[in-house]
Amino acid sequence: MMKRILAAIVITAIIIAVAFIAFRNKGNAVKYRTEKVTRGDIEAVVTAAGTVNAVTTVLVGTQVSGTIKDIYADFNSLVKKGRVIARIDPAAFEAQVAEARANLLAAEANLEKAEATLADSKRTMGRNKDLFSRGFIARSELDTSETNHETAKAAINAAKAQIAQTSASLKYAETNLRYTEIVSPVDGVVVSRNVDVGQTVAASFQTPTLFTIAQDLTKMQIDSSVVEADIGGIRVGQPVEFTVDAYPDAPFRGVVSEVRNAPTVVQNVVTYDAVVRVDNAELRLKPGMTANVAIITSNRKGVLRIPNAALRFTPANPQNGAAEEKGGGPSGTAGGPSRTAGGVWIIKDGKPGLVKVTIGINDGNFTELVEGDIGEGQELIVESLTKAKSRTSSSGPRMF
């Protein structure tokens, strides 16, 4: 009886030991998180930041100095070309015009006086010629009368020159008087007003800006800064999507209208200005808004898509189940020709197996599958759960 009990105990211990070993091996089996290959659309984009501006912005200044007497336009005022929007006190300039006009009248009177003198000198010279021919006067008196006649003719020319000079001075004074009326050079909207009534403006060395006028706020542009690594993929006519902080959930659309060649260097970072034209018929966009721009450089419709995480993953040792993730991965702005990646990993007979693939563009989340022995719905390894568990279990409380 005791032998049977001992045999039963031994058999039970063996069964428990075998079950323990099997359970332990099962617990140590590598587990992976997978994602499927899907079919859908991919858009490769270049992201950039920019500022919303009016297509044409005019800075209105003054060419004369003085005190602002009247202002006829304010912020957001609609103005027409040629409309008076401000006036500088014209009193001093009106006085200058009156003085220049008086000088012109004096010059004209001097011309009349010179003409009278010329006529008199001509008569005297003729009379002396007759007297000299009869021998009644000396030759010197005739010479004097001829000299006086020539002097009178020169005085006529001097008087005419003085008239021309005073006429120019009058025209200059009248021009300055007209400049006291600040007029709008274009049809548009006043974006900013930088002066108030009673303020003195000086135009001696630099023209002060009184108003900023946007010509047409229904047509806007975004001056976006694109880094030199991405500028090669930007072309005129490419579609653009962007958002502004005022409407974060309402994307706007535009088109690249210009790629400027002038570089901007800030802290050794080279950027180029890509100008995006935008329709603003509803006037929702305002000058100065910051735009988060996404320029669509290429797109694919209905292609097989690989999760980018699958391209970054590779097991360090497929035999024992240890795994690591490759750094980097495909760029979210890729839009060039197809290229061969290292491959993706699938589960074959419970172990990771490598499949070589050729990839195309990607959008930051998915990459186009151009060629490879995988199809739609194929499960791809994107993460090792065992690795994450071992790291978590190995970390203990920190001592301070």
Protein backbone atom coordinates (compact mmCIF):
# COMPACT_ATOMS: atom_id res chain seq x y z
CA MET A 1 0.00 0.00 0.00
CA MET A 2 2.83 2.39 0.83
CA LYS A 3 4.51 1.68 -2.52
CA ARG A 4 1.39 2.71 -4.35
CA ILE A 5 1.17 5.96 -2.37
CA LEU A 6 4.86 6.74 -3.02
CA ALA A 7 4.40 6.00 -6.74
CA ALA A 8 1.39 8.28 -6.87
CA ILE A 9 3.36 11.03 -5.13
CA VAL A 10 6.29 10.70 -7.56
CA ILE A 11 4.00 10.70 -10.60
CA THR A 12 2.19 13.78 -9.27
CA ALA A 13 5.51 15.58 -8.66
CA ILE A 14 6.66 14.77 -12.19
CA ILE A 15 3.39 16.06 -13.65
CA ILE A 16 3.68 19.28 -11.59
CA ALA A 17 7.32 19.79 -12.65
CA VAL A 18 6.49 19.25 -16.34
CA ALA A 19 3.50 21.61 -16.09
CA PHE A 20 5.66 24.24 -14.32
CA ILE A 21 8.34 24.07 -17.01
CA ALA A 22 5.77 24.25 -19.80
CA PHE A 23 4.01 27.19 -18.15
CA ARG A 24 7.31 28.99 -17.60
CA ASN A 25 8.36 28.54 -21.23
CA LYS A 26 4.97 29.73 -22.36
CA GLY A 27 5.24 32.78 -20.15
CA ASN A 28 8.65 33.58 -21.62
CA ALA A 29 7.41 33.31 -25.22
CA VAL A 30 7.92 36.54 -27.19
CA LYS A 31 4.74 38.50 -27.86
CA TYR A 32 4.40 41.14 -30.57
CA ARG A 33 1.95 43.88 -31.43
CA THR A 34 1.03 43.86 -35.10
CA GLU A 35 -0.79 46.13 -37.55
CA LYS A 36 -2.28 45.27 -40.91
CA VAL A 37 -1.31 46.40 -44.38
CA THR A 38 -4.21 48.55 -45.59
CA ARG A 39 -5.26 50.14 -48.84
CA GLY A 40 -5.95 53.86 -49.07
CA ASP A 41 -4.67 57.29 -50.09
CA ILE A 42 -1.30 58.83 -49.16
CA GLU A 43 -0.27 62.47 -49.44
CA ALA A 44 3.34 63.56 -49.01
CA VAL A 45 3.52 67.06 -47.57
CA VAL A 46 6.10 69.66 -46.64
CA THR A 47 5.20 71.53 -43.49
CA ALA A 48 6.14 75.14 -42.85
CA ALA A 49 5.10 78.16 -40.84
CA GLY A 50 4.12 81.45 -42.43
CA THR A 51 2.34 84.76 -42.03
CA VAL A 52 -0.87 85.84 -43.73
CA ASN A 53 -0.52 89.16 -45.57
CA ALA A 54 -2.42 91.19 -48.10
CA VAL A 55 -1.17 90.76 -51.65
CA THR A 56 -0.54 94.52 -51.94
CA THR A 57 0.05 96.68 -48.88
CA VAL A 58 0.77 100.40 -49.32
CA LEU A 59 2.45 102.56 -46.68
CA VAL A 60 1.05 106.09 -46.95
CA GLY A 61 3.36 108.85 -45.73
CA THR A 62 3.83 112.59 -46.11
CA GLN A 63 6.35 114.61 -48.10
CA VAL A 64 5.96 117.77 -46.02
CA SER A 65 6.30 118.47 -42.32
CA GLY A 66 3.63 119.99 -40.16
CA THR A 67 0.82 119.41 -37.69
CA ILE A 68 -2.03 117.01 -38.44
CA LYS A 69 -5.15 119.17 -38.65
CA ASP A 70 -7.81 116.69 -39.76
CA ILE A 71 -8.12 112.90 -40.15
CA TYR A 72 -10.83 111.51 -42.42
CA ALA A 73 -10.10 107.75 -42.22
CA ASP A 74 -9.71 105.34 -39.34
CA PHE A 75 -8.98 101.66 -38.79
CA ASN A 76 -10.94 99.39 -41.19
CA SER A 77 -12.14 102.37 -43.24
CA LEU A 78 -12.86 101.66 -46.89
CA VAL A 79 -11.05 104.22 -49.03
CA LYS A 80 -11.01 105.04 -52.73
CA LYS A 81 -8.04 106.06 -54.81
CA GLY A 82 -7.55 109.83 -54.63
CA ARG A 83 -9.71 110.29 -51.54
CA VAL A 84 -8.34 112.70 -48.89
CA ILE A 85 -7.70 110.71 -45.72
CA ALA A 86 -5.83 113.33 -43.66
CA ARG A 87 -4.81 116.98 -43.82
CA ILE A 88 -1.76 118.81 -42.51
CA ASP A 89 -2.26 122.40 -41.33
CA PRO A 90 -1.83 124.38 -44.59
CA ALA A 91 -1.39 127.89 -43.10
CA ALA A 92 2.39 128.03 -43.51
CA PHE A 93 2.23 126.58 -47.00
CA GLU A 94 -0.50 129.00 -48.07
CA ALA A 95 1.76 131.85 -46.92
CA GLN A 96 4.61 130.43 -48.99
CA VAL A 97 2.35 130.29 -52.04
CA ALA A 98 1.29 133.91 -51.51
CA GLU A 99 4.92 134.99 -51.16
CA ALA A 100 5.95 133.12 -54.31
CA ARG A 101 3.04 134.63 -56.23
CA ALA A 102 4.04 138.13 -55.11
CA ASN A 103 7.62 137.49 -56.19
CA LEU A 104 6.32 136.47 -59.60
CA LEU A 105 4.33 139.68 -59.91
CA ALA A 106 7.44 141.68 -58.98
CA ALA A 107 9.46 139.84 -61.61
CA GLU A 108 6.84 140.56 -64.25
CA ALA A 109 6.89 144.25 -63.27
CA ASN A 110 10.68 144.27 -63.56
CA LEU A 111 10.34 142.86 -67.07
CA GLU A 112 7.97 145.69 -68.04
CA LYS A 113 10.40 148.20 -66.56
CA ALA A 114 13.28 146.64 -68.49
CA GLU A 115 11.27 146.76 -71.70
CA ALA A 116 10.57 150.45 -71.14
CA THR A 117 14.25 151.09 -70.46
CA LEU A 118 15.16 149.23 -73.64
CA ALA A 119 12.75 151.31 -75.69
CA ASP A 120 14.17 154.52 -74.24
CA SER A 121 17.78 153.43 -74.86
CA LYS A 122 16.88 152.56 -78.43
CA ARG A 123 15.43 156.01 -79.07
CA THR A 124 18.46 157.70 -77.47
CA MET A 125 20.85 155.65 -79.54
CA GLY A 126 19.02 156.55 -82.77
CA ARG A 127 18.97 160.22 -81.92
CA ASN A 128 22.71 160.24 -81.09
CA LYS A 129 23.52 158.52 -84.37
CA ASP A 130 21.75 161.31 -86.25
CA LEU A 131 23.51 164.03 -84.22
CA PHE A 132 26.89 162.34 -84.64
CA SER A 133 26.44 162.16 -88.41
CA ARG A 134 25.87 165.95 -88.43
CA GLY A 135 28.91 166.51 -86.20
CA PHE A 136 26.96 167.94 -83.27
CA ILE A 137 28.14 165.38 -80.65
CA ALA A 138 31.33 163.54 -79.93
CA ARG A 139 31.91 159.91 -80.70
CA SER A 140 31.99 159.06 -76.99
CA GLU A 141 28.35 160.11 -76.50
CA LEU A 142 27.28 157.78 -79.30
CA ASP A 143 29.25 154.93 -77.77
CA THR A 144 27.61 155.54 -74.41
CA SER A 145 24.12 155.41 -75.89
CA GLU A 146 24.92 152.16 -77.72
CA THR A 147 26.27 150.63 -74.48
CA ASN A 148 23.09 151.64 -72.64
CA HIS A 149 21.02 150.00 -75.34
CA GLU A 150 22.93 146.72 -75.07
CA THR A 151 22.62 146.84 -71.26
CA ALA A 152 18.87 147.32 -71.55
CA LYS A 153 18.60 144.25 -73.79
CA ALA A 154 20.55 142.20 -71.24
CA ALA A 155 18.22 143.47 -68.51
CA ILE A 156 15.31 142.09 -70.52
CA ASN A 157 16.84 138.61 -70.49
CA ALA A 158 17.60 138.87 -66.77
CA ALA A 159 13.99 139.88 -66.06
CA LYS A 160 12.69 136.91 -68.07
CA ALA A 161 15.00 134.57 -66.14
CA GLN A 162 13.75 136.00 -62.86
CA ILE A 163 10.17 135.35 -63.98
CA ALA A 164 11.04 131.73 -64.77
CA GLN A 165 12.71 131.36 -61.37
CA THR A 166 9.83 132.84 -59.43
CA SER A 167 7.36 130.75 -61.47
CA ALA A 168 9.22 127.60 -60.41
CA SER A 169 9.20 128.75 -56.79
CA LEU A 170 5.46 129.35 -57.02
CA LYS A 171 4.91 125.89 -58.54
CA TYR A 172 7.02 124.31 -55.77
CA ALA A 173 5.05 126.14 -53.08
CA GLU A 174 1.74 125.12 -54.66
CA THR A 175 2.95 121.50 -54.82
CA ASN A 176 3.82 121.54 -51.12
CA LEU A 177 0.41 123.00 -50.42
CA ARG A 178 -1.22 120.10 -52.29
CA TYR A 179 0.92 117.67 -50.28
CA THR A 180 -0.81 118.88 -47.12
CA GLU A 181 -3.76 116.78 -48.30
CA ILE A 182 -2.87 113.12 -47.72
CA VAL A 183 -4.73 111.06 -50.33
CA SER A 184 -5.13 107.30 -50.72
CA PRO A 185 -3.05 105.96 -53.63
CA VAL A 186 -5.22 102.84 -54.05
CA ASP A 187 -8.65 101.44 -53.37
CA GLY A 188 -8.50 99.40 -50.20
CA VAL A 189 -8.95 99.11 -46.45
CA VAL A 190 -7.04 101.05 -43.79
CA VAL A 191 -5.19 98.42 -41.78
CA SER A 192 -3.48 100.80 -39.37
CA ARG A 193 -3.45 104.51 -38.51
CA ASN A 194 -0.28 105.83 -36.88
CA VAL A 195 -1.14 109.50 -36.25
CA ASP A 196 -3.70 111.58 -34.38
CA VAL A 197 -5.02 115.11 -34.75
CA GLY A 198 -2.53 117.63 -33.36
CA GLN A 199 0.48 115.38 -33.85
CA THR A 200 3.48 116.91 -35.59
CA VAL A 201 5.11 114.91 -38.37
CA ALA A 202 8.59 115.65 -39.72
CA ALA A 203 9.61 114.59 -43.22
CA SER A 204 13.13 116.01 -43.13
CA PHE A 205 15.20 112.80 -43.22
CA GLN A 206 12.70 109.93 -43.48
CA THR A 207 9.12 109.85 -44.69
CA PRO A 208 6.88 109.00 -41.71
CA THR A 209 4.18 106.37 -42.23
CA LEU A 210 0.73 107.74 -41.46
CA PHE A 211 -1.50 104.91 -42.73
CA THR A 212 -1.13 101.33 -43.90
CA ILE A 213 -3.65 100.41 -46.60
CA ALA A 214 -4.32 96.88 -47.85
CA GLN A 215 -5.44 97.04 -51.44
CA ASP A 216 -7.71 93.97 -51.50
CA LEU A 217 -8.36 91.79 -48.46
CA THR A 218 -10.36 89.28 -50.49
CA LYS A 219 -7.07 88.06 -51.98
CA MET A 220 -4.38 87.15 -49.45
CA GLN A 221 -0.99 85.50 -49.54
CA ILE A 222 1.07 83.49 -47.08
CA ASP A 223 4.81 84.06 -46.91
CA SER A 224 5.92 80.65 -45.63
CA SER A 225 9.48 79.73 -44.64
CA VAL A 226 10.56 76.38 -46.11
CA VAL A 227 13.86 74.87 -44.98
CA GLU A 228 16.47 74.17 -47.64
CA ALA A 229 16.12 70.39 -47.22
CA ASP A 230 12.50 70.55 -48.43
CA ILE A 231 12.59 73.41 -50.94
CA GLY A 232 13.63 71.08 -53.78
CA GLY A 233 10.17 69.48 -53.77
CA ILE A 234 8.21 72.72 -53.90
CA ARG A 235 6.76 73.74 -57.27
CA VAL A 236 4.46 76.54 -58.44
CA GLY A 237 0.87 75.31 -58.65
CA GLN A 238 1.06 72.71 -55.87
CA PRO A 239 -2.04 72.61 -53.61
CA VAL A 240 -1.71 73.80 -50.04
CA GLU A 241 -3.72 73.24 -46.88
CA PHE A 242 -3.21 75.41 -43.82
CA THR A 243 -4.79 76.38 -40.53
CA VAL A 244 -4.62 79.49 -38.38
CA ASP A 245 -4.98 79.72 -34.63
CA ALA A 246 -8.25 81.64 -34.96
CA TYR A 247 -9.88 78.67 -36.76
CA PRO A 248 -7.93 75.56 -35.69
CA ASP A 249 -10.64 73.16 -36.86
CA ALA A 250 -11.33 74.86 -40.19
CA PRO A 251 -8.55 74.23 -42.72
CA PHE A 252 -8.08 76.64 -45.62
CA ARG A 253 -6.80 75.88 -49.10
CA GLY A 254 -4.45 77.72 -51.40
CA VAL A 255 -1.93 77.29 -54.20
CA VAL A 256 1.82 77.90 -54.35
CA SER A 257 2.22 80.96 -56.59
CA GLU A 258 5.93 81.71 -56.22
CA VAL A 259 9.11 80.17 -54.84
CA ARG A 260 11.56 82.98 -54.17
CA ASN A 261 15.28 82.45 -54.63
CA ALA A 262 16.38 84.88 -51.92
CA PRO A 263 17.59 82.87 -48.88
CA THR A 264 16.99 83.84 -45.26
CA VAL A 265 19.61 82.71 -42.75
CA VAL A 266 18.75 82.69 -39.04
CA GLN A 267 21.19 80.98 -36.67
CA ASN A 268 22.72 79.03 -39.58
CA VAL A 269 19.28 77.76 -40.67
CA VAL A 270 18.61 78.54 -44.34
CA THR A 271 14.99 79.00 -45.42
CA TYR A 272 13.27 80.14 -48.60
CA ASP A 273 9.99 82.00 -49.03
CA ALA A 274 7.23 80.00 -50.71
CA VAL A 275 4.34 82.36 -51.47
CA VAL A 276 0.86 80.84 -51.23
CA ARG A 277 -2.12 82.63 -52.77
CA VAL A 278 -5.41 82.28 -50.87
CA ASP A 279 -8.98 83.27 -51.63
CA ASN A 280 -10.41 85.26 -48.71
CA ALA A 281 -13.86 86.13 -50.02
CA GLU A 282 -15.39 85.72 -46.55
CA LEU A 283 -12.72 87.97 -44.96
CA ARG A 284 -12.01 85.41 -42.25
CA LEU A 285 -8.25 85.73 -42.66
CA LYS A 286 -6.63 88.88 -41.33
CA PRO A 287 -3.18 90.31 -42.02
CA GLY A 288 -0.55 89.11 -39.59
CA MET A 289 -2.13 85.75 -38.71
CA THR A 290 0.26 82.85 -38.24
CA ALA A 291 -0.43 79.97 -40.62
CA ASN A 292 0.61 76.33 -40.24
CA VAL A 293 1.15 75.33 -43.85
CA ALA A 294 1.15 71.86 -45.42
CA ILE A 295 2.27 71.89 -49.06
CA ILE A 296 1.13 68.71 -50.85
CA THR A 297 4.11 67.66 -52.97
CA SER A 298 2.68 64.32 -54.21
CA ASN A 299 -0.19 61.94 -53.59
CA ARG A 300 -1.23 58.37 -54.34
CA LYS A 301 -4.78 57.03 -54.54
CA GLY A 302 -5.82 53.54 -53.45
CA VAL A 303 -2.33 52.11 -52.80
CA LEU A 304 -1.16 49.55 -50.26
CA ARG A 305 0.04 51.29 -47.11
CA ILE A 306 2.59 50.06 -44.58
CA PRO A 307 2.51 51.50 -41.05
CA ASN A 308 5.70 53.50 -40.52
CA ALA A 309 6.22 51.75 -37.18
CA ALA A 310 6.66 48.46 -39.07
CA LEU A 311 9.52 49.95 -41.10
CA ARG A 312 11.24 51.15 -37.92
CA PHE A 313 11.02 47.77 -36.14
CA THR A 314 13.59 45.00 -36.31
CA PRO A 315 14.31 42.18 -33.83
CA ALA A 316 17.87 42.19 -32.53
CA ASN A 317 17.87 38.38 -32.16
CA PRO A 318 14.87 36.58 -33.66
CA GLN A 319 15.99 33.30 -32.09
CA ASN A 320 15.54 34.30 -28.44
CA GLY A 321 12.81 36.83 -29.00
CA ALA A 322 14.74 39.95 -27.94
CA ALA A 323 13.81 42.91 -30.12
CA GLU A 324 14.74 46.52 -30.77
CA GLU A 325 13.36 49.37 -32.87
CA LYS A 326 15.44 51.14 -35.48
CA GLY A 327 15.75 54.87 -35.02
CA GLY A 328 14.49 57.33 -37.58
CA GLY A 329 12.37 55.74 -40.23
CA PRO A 330 10.87 57.26 -43.38
CA SER A 331 10.45 61.00 -43.37
CA GLY A 332 6.97 62.42 -43.37
CA THR A 333 7.88 64.72 -46.23
CA ALA A 334 9.19 62.12 -48.63
CA GLY A 335 7.91 62.54 -52.13
CA GLY A 336 10.71 61.32 -54.36
CA PRO A 337 11.15 58.12 -56.38
CA SER A 338 10.71 54.63 -54.97
CA ARG A 339 13.50 53.24 -52.84
CA THR A 340 14.30 49.93 -51.17
CA ALA A 341 13.84 49.76 -47.42
CA GLY A 342 15.43 47.19 -45.11
CA GLY A 343 12.17 45.30 -45.02
CA VAL A 344 9.33 44.51 -42.65
CA TRP A 345 8.88 41.67 -40.19
CA ILE A 346 6.00 39.21 -40.10
CA ILE A 347 5.32 36.22 -37.83
CA LYS A 348 6.21 32.89 -39.44
CA ASP A 349 5.75 29.72 -37.39
CA GLY A 350 5.67 31.81 -34.22
CA LYS A 351 8.94 33.62 -35.07
CA PRO A 352 9.74 36.93 -36.81
CA GLY A 353 10.46 36.65 -40.53
CA LEU A 354 11.91 39.39 -42.75
CA VAL A 355 10.22 40.43 -46.00
CA LYS A 356 12.07 42.79 -48.35
CA VAL A 357 9.97 45.66 -49.67
CA THR A 358 10.30 48.66 -51.98
CA ILE A 359 8.55 51.78 -50.70
CA GLY A 360 7.42 55.11 -52.13
CA ILE A 361 6.04 58.26 -50.55
CA ASN A 362 4.78 58.54 -46.99
CA ASP A 363 2.63 60.91 -44.98
CA GLY A 364 4.20 60.46 -41.56
CA ASN A 365 1.87 57.59 -40.56
CA PHE A 366 1.87 55.30 -43.58
CA THR A 367 4.29 54.54 -46.41
CA GLU A 368 3.37 53.44 -49.91
CA LEU A 369 4.21 49.82 -50.71
CA VAL A 370 5.58 49.71 -54.25
CA GLU A 371 6.87 46.14 -54.34
CA GLY A 372 7.08 43.26 -51.85
CA ASP A 373 5.72 39.80 -51.09
CA ILE A 374 2.94 41.01 -48.81
CA GLY A 375 -0.65 41.88 -49.51
CA GLU A 376 -3.59 43.73 -48.09
CA GLY A 377 -4.48 42.55 -44.61
CA GLN A 378 -1.02 41.12 -43.87
CA GLU A 379 -0.07 41.51 -40.19
CA LEU A 380 3.24 43.32 -39.71
CA ILE A 381 5.18 43.48 -36.46
CA VAL A 382 5.37 47.02 -35.10
CA GLU A 383 6.41 46.45 -31.47
CA SER A 384 7.75 43.79 -29.11
CA LEU A 385 5.50 43.58 -26.06
CA THR A 386 7.96 41.30 -24.23
CA LYS A 387 10.65 43.93 -24.46
CA ALA A 388 8.41 46.57 -23.03
CA LYS A 389 7.38 44.19 -20.20
CA SER A 390 10.96 43.27 -19.28
CA ARG A 391 11.95 46.90 -19.13
CA THR A 392 9.00 47.72 -16.97
CA SER A 393 9.61 44.83 -14.59
CA SER A 394 13.32 45.56 -14.29
CA SER A 395 12.75 49.13 -13.20
CA GLY A 396 12.38 49.50 -9.47
CA PRO A 397 11.88 52.40 -7.09
CA ARG A 398 14.59 55.04 -7.29
CA MET A 399 16.50 55.99 -4.20
CA PHE A 400 17.10 59.68 -3.49
